[in-house]
C-alpha atoms as a PDB file:
ATOM      1  CA  MET A   1      -6.938 -15.392  18.435  1.00  0.00           C
ATOM      2  CA  ASN A   2      -4.432 -13.226  16.583  1.00  0.00           C
ATOM      3  CA  LEU A   3      -3.834  -9.494  17.008  1.00  0.00           C
ATOM      4  CA  GLN A   4      -5.676  -8.490  13.857  1.00  0.00           C
ATOM      5  CA  THR A   5      -8.792 -10.335  14.958  1.00  0.00           C
ATOM      6  CA  ARG A   6      -8.618  -8.797  18.429  1.00  0.00           C
ATOM      7  CA  ILE A   7      -8.325  -5.303  16.946  1.00  0.00           C
ATOM      8  CA  TYR A   8     -11.181  -5.920  14.545  1.00  0.00           C
ATOM      9  CA  GLU A   9     -13.481  -7.216  17.291  1.00  0.00           C
ATOM     10  CA  LYS A  10     -12.677  -4.343  19.665  1.00  0.00           C
ATOM     11  CA  GLN A  11     -12.538  -1.497  17.144  1.00  0.00           C
ATOM     12  CA  GLY A  12     -15.888  -0.109  18.252  1.00  0.00           C
ATOM     13  CA  ASP A  13     -14.705   0.087  21.872  1.00  0.00           C
ATOM     14  CA  LEU A  14     -11.385   1.791  21.135  1.00  0.00           C
ATOM     15  CA  SER A  15     -10.811   5.491  21.728  1.00  0.00           C
ATOM     16  CA  GLY A  16      -9.194   7.723  19.145  1.00  0.00           C
ATOM     17  CA  SER A  17      -5.886   7.695  20.978  1.00  0.00           C
ATOM     18  CA  GLU A  18      -5.973   3.896  21.226  1.00  0.00           C
ATOM     19  CA  LYS A  19      -6.560   3.687  17.485  1.00  0.00           C
ATOM     20  CA  GLU A  20      -3.579   5.968  16.922  1.00  0.00           C
ATOM     21  CA  ILE A  21      -1.443   3.707  19.112  1.00  0.00           C
ATOM     22  CA  ILE A  22      -2.575   0.689  17.085  1.00  0.00           C
ATOM     23  CA  GLN A  23      -1.770   2.496  13.854  1.00  0.00           C
ATOM     24  CA  GLY A  24       1.713   3.249  15.178  1.00  0.00           C
ATOM     25  CA  LEU A  25       2.160  -0.338  16.328  1.00  0.00           C
ATOM     26  CA  LEU A  26       1.125  -1.845  13.004  1.00  0.00           C
ATOM     27  CA  SER A  27       3.006   0.624  10.815  1.00  0.00           C
ATOM     28  CA  SER A  28       6.353  -0.788  11.968  1.00  0.00           C
ATOM     29  CA  ALA A  29       5.303  -4.074  13.538  1.00  0.00           C
ATOM     30  CA  LYS A  30       8.638  -5.853  13.125  1.00  0.00           C
ATOM     31  CA  GLU A  31      10.689  -2.990  14.567  1.00  0.00           C
ATOM     32  CA  ASN A  32       8.162  -2.371  17.351  1.00  0.00           C
ATOM     33  CA  SER A  33       8.173  -6.025  18.358  1.00  0.00           C
ATOM     34  CA  GLN A  34      11.826  -5.659  19.323  1.00  0.00           C
ATOM     35  CA  LEU A  35      11.463  -2.524  21.462  1.00  0.00           C
ATOM     36  CA  SER A  36      11.106  -2.358  25.213  1.00  0.00           C
ATOM     37  CA  LEU A  37       7.896  -0.881  26.592  1.00  0.00           C
ATOM     38  CA  LYS A  38       9.799   2.254  27.550  1.00  0.00           C
ATOM     39  CA  ASP A  39      11.307   2.689  24.084  1.00  0.00           C
ATOM     40  CA  LEU A  40       8.011   2.007  22.335  1.00  0.00           C
ATOM     41  CA  SER A  41       6.176   4.536  24.489  1.00  0.00           C
ATOM     42  CA  LYS A  42       8.810   7.149  23.601  1.00  0.00           C
ATOM     43  CA  LYS A  43       8.572   6.300  19.905  1.00  0.00           C
ATOM     44  CA  LEU A  44       4.760   6.587  19.894  1.00  0.00           C
ATOM     45  CA  TYR A  45       4.680   9.616  22.252  1.00  0.00           C
ATOM     46  CA  VAL A  46       2.356   7.898  24.704  1.00  0.00           C
ATOM     47  CA  SER A  47       2.739   6.675  28.262  1.00  0.00           C
ATOM     48  CA  GLU A  48       3.768   3.146  29.079  1.00  0.00           C
ATOM     49  CA  SER A  49       0.510   2.707  30.955  1.00  0.00           C
ATOM     50  CA  ALA A  50      -1.497   3.677  27.832  1.00  0.00           C
ATOM     51  CA  ILE A  51       0.145   0.841  25.906  1.00  0.00           C
ATOM     52  CA  PHE A  52      -0.358  -1.573  28.783  1.00  0.00           C
ATOM     53  CA  ARG A  53      -4.057  -0.591  29.110  1.00  0.00           C
ATOM     54  CA  LEU A  54      -4.470  -1.152  25.364  1.00  0.00           C
ATOM     55  CA  CYS A  55      -2.953  -4.621  25.763  1.00  0.00           C
ATOM     56  CA  LYS A  56      -5.525  -5.434  28.438  1.00  0.00           C
ATOM     57  CA  LYS A  57      -8.374  -3.946  26.391  1.00  0.00           C
ATOM     58  CA  LEU A  58      -7.400  -6.198  23.486  1.00  0.00           C
ATOM     59  CA  GLY A  59      -7.417  -9.235  25.790  1.00  0.00           C
ATOM     60  CA  LEU A  60      -3.655  -9.677  25.876  1.00  0.00           C
ATOM     61  CA  SER A  61      -1.906 -10.747  29.063  1.00  0.00           C
ATOM     62  CA  GLY A  62       0.531  -7.860  28.830  1.00  0.00           C
ATOM     63  CA  TYR A  63       3.289  -6.242  26.821  1.00  0.00           C
ATOM     64  CA  SER A  64       5.195  -9.490  26.251  1.00  0.00           C
ATOM     65  CA  GLU A  65       2.218 -10.983  24.455  1.00  0.00           C
ATOM     66  CA  LEU A  66       1.824  -7.796  22.405  1.00  0.00           C
ATOM     67  CA  LYS A  67       5.460  -8.077  21.295  1.00  0.00           C
ATOM     68  CA  PHE A  68       4.872 -11.693  20.284  1.00  0.00           C
ATOM     69  CA  GLU A  69       1.733 -10.739  18.336  1.00  0.00           C
ATOM     70  CA  LEU A  70       3.530  -7.848  16.603  1.00  0.00           C
ATOM     71  CA  SER A  71       6.246 -10.245  15.537  1.00  0.00           C
ATOM     72  CA  ALA A  72       3.605 -12.540  14.072  1.00  0.00           C
ATOM     73  CA  VAL A  73       1.950  -9.585  12.310  1.00  0.00           C
ATOM     74  CA  SER A  74       5.254  -8.617  10.718  1.00  0.00           C
ATOM     75  CA  SER A  75       5.707 -12.088   9.267  1.00  0.00           C
ATOM     76  CA  ILE A  76       2.150 -12.058   7.924  1.00  0.00           C
ATOM     77  CA  LYS A  77       2.566  -8.491   6.670  1.00  0.00           C
ATOM     78  CA  ASN A  78       5.551  -9.536   4.574  1.00  0.00           C
ATOM     79  CA  HIS A  79       3.614 -12.360   2.946  1.00  0.00           C
ATOM     80  CA  PRO A  80       2.783 -11.238  -0.615  1.00  0.00           C
ATOM     81  CA  ASN A  81      -0.782 -12.588  -0.576  1.00  0.00           C
ATOM     82  CA  ASN A  82      -1.916 -10.955   2.655  1.00  0.00           C
ATOM     83  CA  ASN A  83      -3.350  -7.435   2.694  1.00  0.00           C
ATOM     84  CA  PHE A  84      -5.111  -7.716   6.056  1.00  0.00           C
ATOM     85  CA  VAL A  85      -2.628  -5.595   8.001  1.00  0.00           C
ATOM     86  CA  LYS A  86      -2.649  -2.879   5.344  1.00  0.00           C
ATOM     87  CA  GLU A  87      -6.450  -2.929   5.273  1.00  0.00           C
ATOM     88  CA  MET A  88      -6.595  -2.652   9.080  1.00  0.00           C
ATOM     89  CA  ALA A  89      -4.078   0.203   9.071  1.00  0.00           C
ATOM     90  CA  ASP A  90      -6.070   1.988   6.354  1.00  0.00           C
ATOM     91  CA  LEU A  91      -9.306   1.412   8.249  1.00  0.00           C
ATOM     92  CA  THR A  92      -7.767   2.770  11.437  1.00  0.00           C
ATOM     93  CA  THR A  93      -6.378   5.802   9.599  1.00  0.00           C
ATOM     94  CA  ASN A  94      -9.743   6.540   8.018  1.00  0.00           C
ATOM     95  CA  THR A  95     -11.524   6.156  11.361  1.00  0.00           C
ATOM     96  CA  ILE A  96      -9.113   8.561  13.037  1.00  0.00           C
ATOM     97  CA  LYS A  97      -9.600  11.095  10.212  1.00  0.00           C
ATOM     98  CA  GLN A  98     -13.370  10.904  10.683  1.00  0.00           C
ATOM     99  CA  LEU A  99     -13.089  11.423  14.433  1.00  0.00           C
ATOM    100  CA  ARG A 100     -10.994  14.566  14.074  1.00  0.00           C
ATOM    101  CA  PRO A 101     -12.969  17.785  13.582  1.00  0.00           C
END
């Protein structure tokens, strides 16, 4: 199961902060796939444990698998006929906007 499918299936169980993390992850998937957990947590202004918990919530084995999935997303994202990542990012953005007062 790929990352997009995992996110889609779990979107109802994700908190607002988890959705923001996902939005940050997907917005620069290729760059993020090359960062260490420490560097990514600094970039997204969240704790390392928040990212690791999100990995587990999405059914990933850990951060290494997330990096692999982000790399795959970036290659799909660059494919001209695929709008799934953009649609997921837009959906996440809209959800976050609705959750904010």
